[in-house]
Amino acid sequence: MNDKIRADRVTRFIQSLNQARELGVTVAGTTESSLTLCLPYSSQIIGNPDTGVIHGGAITTLMDTTSGSVMICALDIFELCPTLDLRVDYMRPAEPGKPVYARAEIYRMTRNIIFTRCEAYQEGGETVANCVATFMRIGPEALPKAYRDKITGDVL
């Protein structure tokens, strides 16, 4: 699977998630074991109106979505993998007015569990937060074929 196919699959998946769609999350890059998503700055994600700093919940959602979507890049057959555990360590507030990127990678995959790590950052490379997460593999047969085909692009 090439990067365009991966990006298209991830885009279709995140567009099926209400929170990612509402936040305007987009794909910024893919490889076979990593994914970068972008959270654009907007007034609806401001946590502190006096400073314009992004609410931590929006960054957590970005990191969970990125970590939970990276397996689309790594697995040949799409399967949903619900979050089992997610730990986020905030390093600093995101600078107001700038998008936040999250890059997740799979560092271990078993038959039942996928382990990821993720970094949220802004242009210039300053880390906003780090995250480690685990996801349960439930297998491709656990979701309707029509939904799987929608994500993989097999729908005409």
N, C-alpha and C. Protein backbone atom coordinates (compact mmCIF):
# COMPACT_ATOMS: atom_id res chain seq x y z
N MET A 1 0.85 -1.18 0.00
CA MET A 1 0.00 0.00 0.00
C MET A 1 0.90 1.24 0.00
N ASN A 2 0.62 2.18 -0.90
CA ASN A 2 1.45 3.39 -0.96
C ASN A 2 0.89 4.50 -0.06
N ASP A 3 1.64 5.60 0.06
CA ASP A 3 1.25 6.69 0.97
C ASP A 3 -0.09 7.32 0.59
N LYS A 4 -0.39 7.45 -0.69
CA LYS A 4 -1.67 8.03 -1.11
C LYS A 4 -2.84 7.15 -0.67
N ILE A 5 -2.72 5.84 -0.86
CA ILE A 5 -3.78 4.93 -0.42
C ILE A 5 -3.95 5.01 1.09
N ARG A 6 -2.82 5.01 1.82
CA ARG A 6 -2.89 5.13 3.28
C ARG A 6 -3.60 6.42 3.68
N ALA A 7 -3.18 7.54 3.09
CA ALA A 7 -3.76 8.84 3.44
C ALA A 7 -5.26 8.87 3.11
N ASP A 8 -5.64 8.31 1.98
CA ASP A 8 -7.07 8.27 1.61
C ASP A 8 -7.87 7.44 2.62
N ARG A 9 -7.33 6.29 3.03
CA ARG A 9 -8.03 5.45 4.01
C ARG A 9 -8.17 6.16 5.34
N VAL A 10 -7.10 6.78 5.80
CA VAL A 10 -7.15 7.49 7.09
C VAL A 10 -8.13 8.66 6.99
N THR A 11 -8.11 9.38 5.88
CA THR A 11 -9.04 10.50 5.70
C THR A 11 -10.49 10.02 5.77
N ARG A 12 -10.80 8.92 5.08
CA ARG A 12 -12.17 8.40 5.14
C ARG A 12 -12.54 7.97 6.56
N PHE A 13 -11.57 7.38 7.28
CA PHE A 13 -11.83 6.95 8.64
C PHE A 13 -12.08 8.14 9.56
N ILE A 14 -11.19 9.14 9.55
CA ILE A 14 -11.36 10.26 10.48
C ILE A 14 -12.59 11.10 10.12
N GLN A 15 -13.00 11.08 8.86
CA GLN A 15 -14.23 11.78 8.48
C GLN A 15 -15.48 11.05 9.01
N SER A 16 -15.32 9.78 9.37
CA SER A 16 -16.44 9.04 9.97
C SER A 16 -16.53 9.26 11.48
N LEU A 17 -15.57 9.96 12.05
CA LEU A 17 -15.54 10.26 13.48
C LEU A 17 -16.03 11.69 13.70
N ASN A 18 -17.15 11.83 14.38
CA ASN A 18 -17.74 13.17 14.57
C ASN A 18 -16.76 14.17 15.18
N GLN A 19 -16.05 13.77 16.23
CA GLN A 19 -15.17 14.72 16.91
C GLN A 19 -14.02 15.16 16.02
N ALA A 20 -13.44 14.25 15.24
CA ALA A 20 -12.33 14.61 14.35
C ALA A 20 -12.83 15.52 13.22
N ARG A 21 -14.00 15.21 12.70
CA ARG A 21 -14.59 16.03 11.64
C ARG A 21 -14.89 17.44 12.17
N GLU A 22 -15.49 17.53 13.36
CA GLU A 22 -15.82 18.84 13.94
C GLU A 22 -14.57 19.68 14.22
N LEU A 23 -13.48 19.00 14.63
CA LEU A 23 -12.23 19.71 14.92
C LEU A 23 -11.46 20.09 13.66
N GLY A 24 -11.84 19.52 12.51
CA GLY A 24 -11.15 19.83 11.26
C GLY A 24 -9.84 19.10 11.09
N VAL A 25 -9.69 17.96 11.77
CA VAL A 25 -8.45 17.19 11.71
C VAL A 25 -8.22 16.67 10.28
N THR A 26 -6.99 16.81 9.80
CA THR A 26 -6.63 16.34 8.45
C THR A 26 -5.34 15.53 8.49
N VAL A 27 -5.12 14.76 7.44
CA VAL A 27 -3.90 13.96 7.32
C VAL A 27 -2.78 14.85 6.81
N ALA A 28 -1.64 14.81 7.50
CA ALA A 28 -0.47 15.59 7.09
C ALA A 28 0.63 14.69 6.52
N GLY A 29 0.60 13.37 6.82
CA GLY A 29 1.61 12.47 6.29
C GLY A 29 1.42 11.05 6.79
N THR A 30 1.89 10.08 5.99
CA THR A 30 1.80 8.67 6.36
C THR A 30 3.04 7.92 5.93
N THR A 31 3.33 6.84 6.65
CA THR A 31 4.27 5.81 6.22
C THR A 31 3.62 4.49 6.60
N GLU A 32 4.31 3.38 6.37
CA GLU A 32 3.69 2.10 6.72
C GLU A 32 3.61 1.86 8.22
N SER A 33 4.30 2.65 9.02
CA SER A 33 4.20 2.47 10.48
C SER A 33 4.01 3.77 11.24
N SER A 34 3.73 4.88 10.53
CA SER A 34 3.50 6.14 11.24
C SER A 34 2.44 6.97 10.53
N LEU A 35 1.88 7.89 11.29
CA LEU A 35 0.83 8.77 10.78
C LEU A 35 0.98 10.12 11.45
N THR A 36 0.83 11.19 10.66
CA THR A 36 0.81 12.54 11.21
C THR A 36 -0.52 13.19 10.82
N LEU A 37 -1.23 13.70 11.84
CA LEU A 37 -2.47 14.43 11.63
C LEU A 37 -2.28 15.87 12.08
N CYS A 38 -3.12 16.76 11.53
CA CYS A 38 -3.04 18.19 11.86
C CYS A 38 -4.36 18.66 12.45
N LEU A 39 -4.27 19.37 13.55
CA LEU A 39 -5.41 20.03 14.19
C LEU A 39 -5.25 21.53 13.94
N PRO A 40 -6.10 22.11 13.09
CA PRO A 40 -5.97 23.55 12.83
C PRO A 40 -6.43 24.36 14.04
N TYR A 41 -5.82 25.50 14.22
CA TYR A 41 -6.24 26.40 15.30
C TYR A 41 -7.59 27.00 14.94
N SER A 42 -8.48 27.06 15.90
CA SER A 42 -9.78 27.72 15.68
C SER A 42 -10.32 28.22 17.02
N SER A 43 -11.25 29.14 16.95
CA SER A 43 -11.82 29.72 18.17
C SER A 43 -12.59 28.69 18.99
N GLN A 44 -13.10 27.63 18.33
CA GLN A 44 -13.90 26.66 19.08
C GLN A 44 -13.08 25.71 19.95
N ILE A 45 -11.75 25.72 19.83
CA ILE A 45 -10.92 24.83 20.66
C ILE A 45 -10.11 25.59 21.71
N ILE A 46 -10.40 26.87 21.87
CA ILE A 46 -9.69 27.68 22.86
C ILE A 46 -10.14 27.27 24.26
N GLY A 47 -9.17 26.97 25.11
CA GLY A 47 -9.47 26.60 26.49
C GLY A 47 -9.41 27.78 27.43
N ASN A 48 -8.56 28.77 27.13
CA ASN A 48 -8.44 29.95 27.96
C ASN A 48 -8.65 31.18 27.07
N PRO A 49 -9.82 31.82 27.19
CA PRO A 49 -10.11 32.96 26.30
C PRO A 49 -9.17 34.16 26.50
N ASP A 50 -8.55 34.26 27.67
CA ASP A 50 -7.64 35.38 27.92
C ASP A 50 -6.33 35.23 27.16
N THR A 51 -5.88 33.97 26.98
CA THR A 51 -4.59 33.74 26.31
C THR A 51 -4.74 33.14 24.93
N GLY A 52 -5.89 32.53 24.63
CA GLY A 52 -6.09 31.87 23.34
C GLY A 52 -5.47 30.49 23.26
N VAL A 53 -5.02 29.95 24.40
CA VAL A 53 -4.39 28.63 24.44
C VAL A 53 -5.43 27.54 24.15
N ILE A 54 -5.03 26.55 23.37
CA ILE A 54 -5.90 25.43 23.00
C ILE A 54 -6.22 24.58 24.23
N HIS A 55 -7.46 24.16 24.34
CA HIS A 55 -7.91 23.29 25.43
C HIS A 55 -7.20 21.94 25.33
N GLY A 56 -6.77 21.41 26.47
CA GLY A 56 -6.08 20.11 26.50
C GLY A 56 -6.91 18.98 25.94
N GLY A 57 -8.23 19.07 26.05
CA GLY A 57 -9.10 18.03 25.52
C GLY A 57 -9.01 17.91 24.02
N ALA A 58 -8.83 19.03 23.32
CA ALA A 58 -8.69 18.99 21.86
C ALA A 58 -7.37 18.31 21.48
N ILE A 59 -6.32 18.56 22.25
CA ILE A 59 -5.03 17.93 21.97
C ILE A 59 -5.08 16.45 22.30
N THR A 60 -5.75 16.09 23.40
CA THR A 60 -5.92 14.67 23.74
C THR A 60 -6.70 13.96 22.64
N THR A 61 -7.76 14.59 22.14
CA THR A 61 -8.55 13.99 21.05
C THR A 61 -7.69 13.81 19.82
N LEU A 62 -6.88 14.80 19.48
CA LEU A 62 -5.97 14.69 18.34
C LEU A 62 -5.02 13.51 18.51
N MET A 63 -4.44 13.37 19.70
CA MET A 63 -3.47 12.30 19.93
C MET A 63 -4.13 10.92 19.95
N ASP A 64 -5.32 10.82 20.53
CA ASP A 64 -6.05 9.56 20.54
C ASP A 64 -6.44 9.18 19.11
N THR A 65 -6.91 10.14 18.33
CA THR A 65 -7.30 9.87 16.94
C THR A 65 -6.09 9.46 16.11
N THR A 66 -4.97 10.13 16.29
CA THR A 66 -3.76 9.80 15.54
C THR A 66 -3.26 8.41 15.93
N SER A 67 -3.18 8.16 17.23
CA SER A 67 -2.71 6.86 17.72
C SER A 67 -3.65 5.74 17.30
N GLY A 68 -4.96 6.01 17.31
CA GLY A 68 -5.94 5.00 16.96
C GLY A 68 -6.08 4.79 15.46
N SER A 69 -5.57 5.71 14.67
CA SER A 69 -5.66 5.61 13.21
C SER A 69 -4.38 5.09 12.57
N VAL A 70 -3.27 5.11 13.29
CA VAL A 70 -2.00 4.70 12.68
C VAL A 70 -2.02 3.24 12.23
N MET A 71 -2.86 2.42 12.86
CA MET A 71 -2.91 1.01 12.43
C MET A 71 -3.49 0.84 11.04
N ILE A 72 -4.25 1.83 10.56
CA ILE A 72 -4.74 1.79 9.18
C ILE A 72 -3.55 1.79 8.22
N CYS A 73 -2.47 2.46 8.62
CA CYS A 73 -1.27 2.52 7.79
C CYS A 73 -0.50 1.19 7.81
N ALA A 74 -0.61 0.46 8.91
CA ALA A 74 0.21 -0.73 9.09
C ALA A 74 -0.49 -2.04 8.73
N LEU A 75 -1.81 -2.07 8.83
CA LEU A 75 -2.55 -3.31 8.59
C LEU A 75 -3.04 -3.37 7.14
N ASP A 76 -2.88 -4.51 6.52
CA ASP A 76 -3.37 -4.68 5.14
C ASP A 76 -4.88 -4.67 5.08
N ILE A 77 -5.53 -5.25 6.09
CA ILE A 77 -6.98 -5.31 6.15
C ILE A 77 -7.44 -4.41 7.29
N PHE A 78 -8.35 -3.48 6.98
CA PHE A 78 -8.83 -2.53 7.98
C PHE A 78 -9.59 -3.26 9.09
N GLU A 79 -9.27 -2.90 10.33
CA GLU A 79 -10.03 -3.37 11.48
C GLU A 79 -10.09 -2.26 12.51
N LEU A 80 -11.20 -2.16 13.21
CA LEU A 80 -11.31 -1.21 14.30
C LEU A 80 -10.49 -1.71 15.48
N CYS A 81 -9.81 -0.79 16.15
CA CYS A 81 -9.00 -1.14 17.31
C CYS A 81 -9.31 -0.14 18.42
N PRO A 82 -10.25 -0.49 19.30
CA PRO A 82 -10.64 0.44 20.38
C PRO A 82 -9.49 0.71 21.35
N THR A 83 -9.49 1.92 21.89
CA THR A 83 -8.49 2.32 22.87
C THR A 83 -8.67 1.55 24.17
N LEU A 84 -7.60 0.93 24.63
CA LEU A 84 -7.59 0.27 25.94
C LEU A 84 -7.02 1.20 27.00
N ASP A 85 -5.94 1.89 26.65
CA ASP A 85 -5.26 2.75 27.61
C ASP A 85 -4.60 3.88 26.85
N LEU A 86 -4.66 5.08 27.41
CA LEU A 86 -4.06 6.26 26.79
C LEU A 86 -3.49 7.11 27.90
N ARG A 87 -2.21 7.40 27.84
CA ARG A 87 -1.57 8.25 28.84
C ARG A 87 -0.96 9.43 28.11
N VAL A 88 -1.33 10.63 28.52
CA VAL A 88 -0.83 11.86 27.90
C VAL A 88 -0.05 12.65 28.94
N ASP A 89 1.14 13.08 28.56
CA ASP A 89 1.96 13.96 29.39
C ASP A 89 2.08 15.29 28.66
N TYR A 90 1.55 16.35 29.26
CA TYR A 90 1.63 17.67 28.66
C TYR A 90 2.96 18.32 29.04
N MET A 91 3.66 18.86 28.03
CA MET A 91 4.96 19.47 28.24
C MET A 91 4.87 20.99 28.35
N ARG A 92 3.96 21.57 27.54
CA ARG A 92 3.80 23.03 27.52
C ARG A 92 2.51 23.36 26.78
N PRO A 93 1.97 24.55 26.98
CA PRO A 93 0.77 24.93 26.23
C PRO A 93 1.11 25.13 24.75
N ALA A 94 0.17 24.81 23.90
CA ALA A 94 0.34 25.07 22.48
C ALA A 94 0.27 26.57 22.24
N GLU A 95 1.11 27.06 21.34
CA GLU A 95 1.13 28.49 21.04
C GLU A 95 -0.16 28.87 20.30
N PRO A 96 -0.87 29.88 20.78
CA PRO A 96 -2.13 30.28 20.14
C PRO A 96 -1.92 30.69 18.67
N GLY A 97 -2.93 30.41 17.85
CA GLY A 97 -2.91 30.82 16.46
C GLY A 97 -2.22 29.87 15.51
N LYS A 98 -1.61 28.81 16.03
CA LYS A 98 -0.86 27.87 15.20
C LYS A 98 -1.49 26.48 15.26
N PRO A 99 -1.43 25.73 14.16
CA PRO A 99 -1.93 24.36 14.20
C PRO A 99 -1.06 23.47 15.08
N VAL A 100 -1.64 22.38 15.52
CA VAL A 100 -0.89 21.37 16.28
C VAL A 100 -0.88 20.10 15.44
N TYR A 101 0.28 19.46 15.36
CA TYR A 101 0.44 18.20 14.64
C TYR A 101 0.65 17.09 15.65
N ALA A 102 0.19 15.90 15.31
CA ALA A 102 0.46 14.73 16.13
C ALA A 102 1.01 13.64 15.23
N ARG A 103 2.14 13.08 15.62
CA ARG A 103 2.76 11.99 14.86
C ARG A 103 2.78 10.75 15.75
N ALA A 104 2.10 9.70 15.29
CA ALA A 104 2.04 8.44 16.04
C ALA A 104 2.77 7.36 15.27
N GLU A 105 3.33 6.43 16.02
CA GLU A 105 3.96 5.26 15.41
C GLU A 105 3.63 4.03 16.23
N ILE A 106 3.60 2.92 15.55
CA ILE A 106 3.41 1.64 16.22
C ILE A 106 4.80 1.14 16.60
N TYR A 107 4.99 0.81 17.87
CA TYR A 107 6.29 0.26 18.24
C TYR A 107 6.22 -1.22 18.59
N ARG A 108 5.00 -1.76 18.71
CA ARG A 108 4.85 -3.20 18.89
C ARG A 108 3.43 -3.58 18.52
N MET A 109 3.31 -4.72 17.81
CA MET A 109 2.00 -5.22 17.42
C MET A 109 1.96 -6.71 17.68
N THR A 110 0.93 -7.14 18.42
CA THR A 110 0.74 -8.57 18.67
C THR A 110 -0.59 -8.99 18.02
N ARG A 111 -0.96 -10.23 18.19
CA ARG A 111 -2.24 -10.69 17.64
C ARG A 111 -3.42 -9.97 18.25
N ASN A 112 -3.27 -9.52 19.50
CA ASN A 112 -4.39 -8.93 20.23
C ASN A 112 -4.25 -7.45 20.57
N ILE A 113 -3.04 -6.94 20.66
CA ILE A 113 -2.80 -5.59 21.14
C ILE A 113 -1.84 -4.85 20.21
N ILE A 114 -2.11 -3.54 20.02
CA ILE A 114 -1.19 -2.67 19.28
C ILE A 114 -0.73 -1.59 20.26
N PHE A 115 0.57 -1.37 20.32
CA PHE A 115 1.19 -0.38 21.21
C PHE A 115 1.68 0.79 20.36
N THR A 116 1.31 2.00 20.76
CA THR A 116 1.71 3.18 20.00
C THR A 116 2.35 4.22 20.92
N ARG A 117 3.09 5.12 20.29
CA ARG A 117 3.56 6.32 20.98
C ARG A 117 3.29 7.49 20.03
N CYS A 118 3.06 8.65 20.62
CA CYS A 118 2.63 9.79 19.83
C CYS A 118 3.22 11.07 20.43
N GLU A 119 3.55 12.00 19.56
CA GLU A 119 4.04 13.30 20.00
C GLU A 119 3.18 14.38 19.33
N ALA A 120 2.67 15.31 20.11
CA ALA A 120 1.99 16.49 19.58
C ALA A 120 3.00 17.63 19.59
N TYR A 121 3.05 18.37 18.50
CA TYR A 121 4.04 19.44 18.38
C TYR A 121 3.51 20.53 17.46
N GLN A 122 4.21 21.63 17.44
CA GLN A 122 3.88 22.71 16.53
C GLN A 122 5.06 22.96 15.62
N GLU A 123 4.83 23.72 14.55
CA GLU A 123 5.93 24.03 13.63
C GLU A 123 7.10 24.57 14.43
N GLY A 124 8.27 24.15 14.05
CA GLY A 124 9.46 24.50 14.81
C GLY A 124 9.89 23.36 15.71
N GLY A 125 9.02 22.34 15.86
CA GLY A 125 9.39 21.12 16.57
C GLY A 125 9.17 21.11 18.06
N GLU A 126 8.66 22.19 18.65
CA GLU A 126 8.44 22.22 20.09
C GLU A 126 7.36 21.22 20.48
N THR A 127 7.70 20.29 21.38
CA THR A 127 6.74 19.29 21.83
C THR A 127 5.71 19.93 22.75
N VAL A 128 4.43 19.66 22.47
CA VAL A 128 3.33 20.12 23.30
C VAL A 128 2.97 19.02 24.29
N ALA A 129 2.92 17.76 23.81
CA ALA A 129 2.55 16.64 24.67
C ALA A 129 3.09 15.34 24.07
N ASN A 130 3.27 14.35 24.94
CA ASN A 130 3.64 12.99 24.53
C ASN A 130 2.56 12.05 25.01
N CYS A 131 2.44 10.93 24.31
CA CYS A 131 1.38 9.99 24.63
C CYS A 131 1.85 8.57 24.32
N VAL A 132 1.45 7.64 25.15
CA VAL A 132 1.59 6.21 24.84
C VAL A 132 0.20 5.61 24.98
N ALA A 133 -0.11 4.65 24.12
CA ALA A 133 -1.45 4.08 24.12
C ALA A 133 -1.41 2.62 23.71
N THR A 134 -2.44 1.90 24.12
CA THR A 134 -2.64 0.52 23.68
C THR A 134 -4.04 0.39 23.11
N PHE A 135 -4.14 -0.44 22.09
CA PHE A 135 -5.40 -0.65 21.38
C PHE A 135 -5.65 -2.13 21.22
N MET A 136 -6.91 -2.53 21.37
CA MET A 136 -7.29 -3.93 21.25
C MET A 136 -7.64 -4.23 19.79
N ARG A 137 -7.04 -5.28 19.27
CA ARG A 137 -7.39 -5.74 17.92
C ARG A 137 -8.62 -6.64 18.03
N ILE A 138 -9.68 -6.27 17.34
CA ILE A 138 -10.90 -7.07 17.39
C ILE A 138 -11.14 -7.83 16.09
N GLY A 139 -10.27 -7.61 15.10
CA GLY A 139 -10.35 -8.34 13.85
C GLY A 139 -11.28 -7.70 12.84
N PRO A 140 -10.99 -7.87 11.57
CA PRO A 140 -11.80 -7.23 10.52
C PRO A 140 -13.23 -7.76 10.44
N GLU A 141 -13.44 -8.98 10.90
CA GLU A 141 -14.78 -9.56 10.83
C GLU A 141 -15.74 -8.98 11.87
N ALA A 142 -15.24 -8.15 12.79
CA ALA A 142 -16.06 -7.60 13.86
C ALA A 142 -16.81 -6.33 13.44
N LEU A 143 -16.63 -5.89 12.21
CA LEU A 143 -17.37 -4.71 11.78
C LEU A 143 -18.06 -5.01 10.45
N PRO A 144 -19.12 -4.29 10.15
CA PRO A 144 -19.85 -4.55 8.91
C PRO A 144 -18.97 -4.36 7.67
N LYS A 145 -19.12 -5.24 6.72
CA LYS A 145 -18.34 -5.19 5.49
C LYS A 145 -18.53 -3.84 4.78
N ALA A 146 -19.74 -3.30 4.79
CA ALA A 146 -20.01 -2.03 4.12
C ALA A 146 -19.15 -0.90 4.71
N TYR A 147 -19.00 -0.88 6.04
CA TYR A 147 -18.17 0.14 6.68
C TYR A 147 -16.70 -0.07 6.33
N ARG A 148 -16.24 -1.31 6.39
CA ARG A 148 -14.85 -1.61 6.04
C ARG A 148 -14.58 -1.19 4.60
N ASP A 149 -15.52 -1.51 3.69
CA ASP A 149 -15.34 -1.14 2.27
C ASP A 149 -15.33 0.38 2.10
N LYS A 150 -16.13 1.08 2.90
CA LYS A 150 -16.13 2.55 2.82
C LYS A 150 -14.76 3.11 3.19
N ILE A 151 -14.16 2.59 4.22
CA ILE A 151 -12.85 3.07 4.68
C ILE A 151 -11.75 2.69 3.68
N THR A 152 -11.78 1.47 3.20
CA THR A 152 -10.73 1.02 2.27
C THR A 152 -10.92 1.54 0.86
N GLY A 153 -12.09 2.12 0.58
CA GLY A 153 -12.33 2.67 -0.75
C GLY A 153 -12.85 1.66 -1.75
N ASP A 154 -13.32 0.52 -1.25
CA ASP A 154 -13.81 -0.53 -2.15
C ASP A 154 -15.27 -0.34 -2.54
N VAL A 155 -15.86 0.79 -2.14
CA VAL A 155 -17.25 1.10 -2.48
C VAL A 155 -17.26 1.86 -3.78
N LEU A 156 -18.14 1.47 -4.65
CA LEU A 156 -18.24 2.17 -5.94
C LEU A 156 -19.13 3.39 -5.83
